[in-house]
Amino acid sequence: MSLRPQVIQLYKNLLYMGREYPMGYDYFRERLKRAFLKNKHETDPKVIEEMIGRGEYVIKEIEALYMLKKYRTLKRRYYDVEFTNKQATN
């Protein structure tokens, strides 16, 4: 069984997730490509499966980063920053 399709799908998913990366898409794409090229020599299926699992974990972390960004934006939009600072000092 070849793991190549899974690796390619992981790469595509990571590229898609990197569209709104805080440091920019180009930065994300270069780092992603470098990481995949660094491990292209790997042939052991167990090691490749571990790397795929690590990549899926990274996808979850990026999703969490985006959710946190959205949460902070909504919080700023609906709550007055001065009010929350005054409330915290009292």
Protein backbone atom coordinates (compact mmCIF):
# COMPACT_ATOMS: atom_id res chain seq x y z
CA MET A 1 0.00 0.00 0.00
CA SER A 2 1.41 3.34 -1.05
CA LEU A 3 1.27 6.29 1.33
CA ARG A 4 2.03 8.76 -1.45
CA PRO A 5 -1.63 9.84 -1.99
CA GLN A 6 -1.99 10.50 1.74
CA VAL A 7 1.17 12.60 1.78
CA ILE A 8 0.04 14.60 -1.25
CA GLN A 9 -3.39 15.18 0.32
CA LEU A 10 -1.75 16.30 3.57
CA TYR A 11 0.43 18.75 1.63
CA LYS A 12 -2.61 20.16 -0.18
CA ASN A 13 -4.57 20.49 3.07
CA LEU A 14 -1.67 22.28 4.74
CA LEU A 15 -1.33 24.65 1.78
CA TYR A 16 -5.03 25.40 1.98
CA MET A 17 -4.82 26.03 5.73
CA GLY A 18 -1.86 28.37 5.23
CA ARG A 19 -3.82 30.88 3.16
CA GLU A 20 -4.44 33.19 6.12
CA TYR A 21 -1.30 32.45 8.12
CA PRO A 22 -0.33 35.52 10.18
CA MET A 23 3.17 35.78 8.66
CA GLY A 24 1.85 35.44 5.12
CA TYR A 25 1.09 32.70 2.66
CA ASP A 26 4.47 32.87 0.92
CA TYR A 27 6.30 32.40 4.22
CA PHE A 28 4.08 29.44 5.11
CA ARG A 29 4.43 27.82 1.67
CA GLU A 30 8.23 28.07 1.69
CA ARG A 31 8.49 26.53 5.16
CA LEU A 32 6.03 23.77 4.27
CA LYS A 33 7.86 22.89 1.07
CA ARG A 34 11.19 22.84 2.90
CA ALA A 35 9.78 20.49 5.55
CA PHE A 36 8.40 18.07 2.96
CA LEU A 37 11.57 18.11 0.86
CA LYS A 38 13.70 17.47 3.95
CA ASN A 39 11.84 14.19 4.52
CA LYS A 40 11.41 13.05 0.91
CA HIS A 41 14.07 10.34 1.29
CA GLU A 42 12.06 8.51 3.98
CA THR A 43 10.83 5.07 2.87
CA ASP A 44 9.82 3.35 6.12
CA PRO A 45 5.98 3.19 6.19
CA LYS A 46 5.80 3.44 9.99
CA VAL A 47 7.88 6.62 10.02
CA ILE A 48 5.83 8.09 7.17
CA GLU A 49 2.60 7.34 9.04
CA GLU A 50 4.02 9.08 12.14
CA MET A 51 4.89 12.10 10.01
CA ILE A 52 1.39 12.14 8.52
CA GLY A 53 -0.01 12.08 12.06
CA ARG A 54 2.24 14.99 12.99
CA GLY A 55 1.02 16.88 9.91
CA GLU A 56 -2.61 16.31 10.89
CA TYR A 57 -1.77 17.64 14.36
CA VAL A 58 -0.31 20.77 12.74
CA ILE A 59 -3.57 21.23 10.81
CA LYS A 60 -5.50 21.13 14.10
CA GLU A 61 -3.11 23.66 15.64
CA ILE A 62 -3.55 26.02 12.67
CA GLU A 63 -7.32 25.69 12.98
CA ALA A 64 -7.05 26.58 16.67
CA LEU A 65 -4.90 29.60 15.78
CA TYR A 66 -7.54 30.82 13.34
CA MET A 67 -10.37 30.26 15.83
CA LEU A 68 -8.48 32.25 18.45
CA LYS A 69 -7.92 35.04 15.94
CA LYS A 70 -11.64 35.13 15.13
CA TYR A 71 -12.55 35.06 18.83
CA ARG A 72 -10.28 37.99 19.60
CA THR A 73 -11.65 39.96 16.65
CA LEU A 74 -15.24 39.39 17.74
CA LYS A 75 -14.40 40.24 21.33
CA ARG A 76 -12.81 43.53 20.25
CA ARG A 77 -15.77 44.27 18.03
CA TYR A 78 -18.47 43.73 20.64
CA TYR A 79 -16.81 44.77 23.89
CA ASP A 80 -15.39 48.15 24.65
CA VAL A 81 -11.69 47.71 25.44
CA GLU A 82 -11.71 50.64 27.88
CA PHE A 83 -14.68 49.15 29.76
CA THR A 84 -12.96 45.81 30.22
CA ASN A 85 -9.75 47.49 31.38
CA LYS A 86 -11.62 49.65 33.92
CA GLN A 87 -13.51 46.63 35.17
CA ALA A 88 -10.28 44.67 35.63
CA THR A 89 -8.67 47.43 37.71
CA ASN A 90 -11.61 47.74 40.14
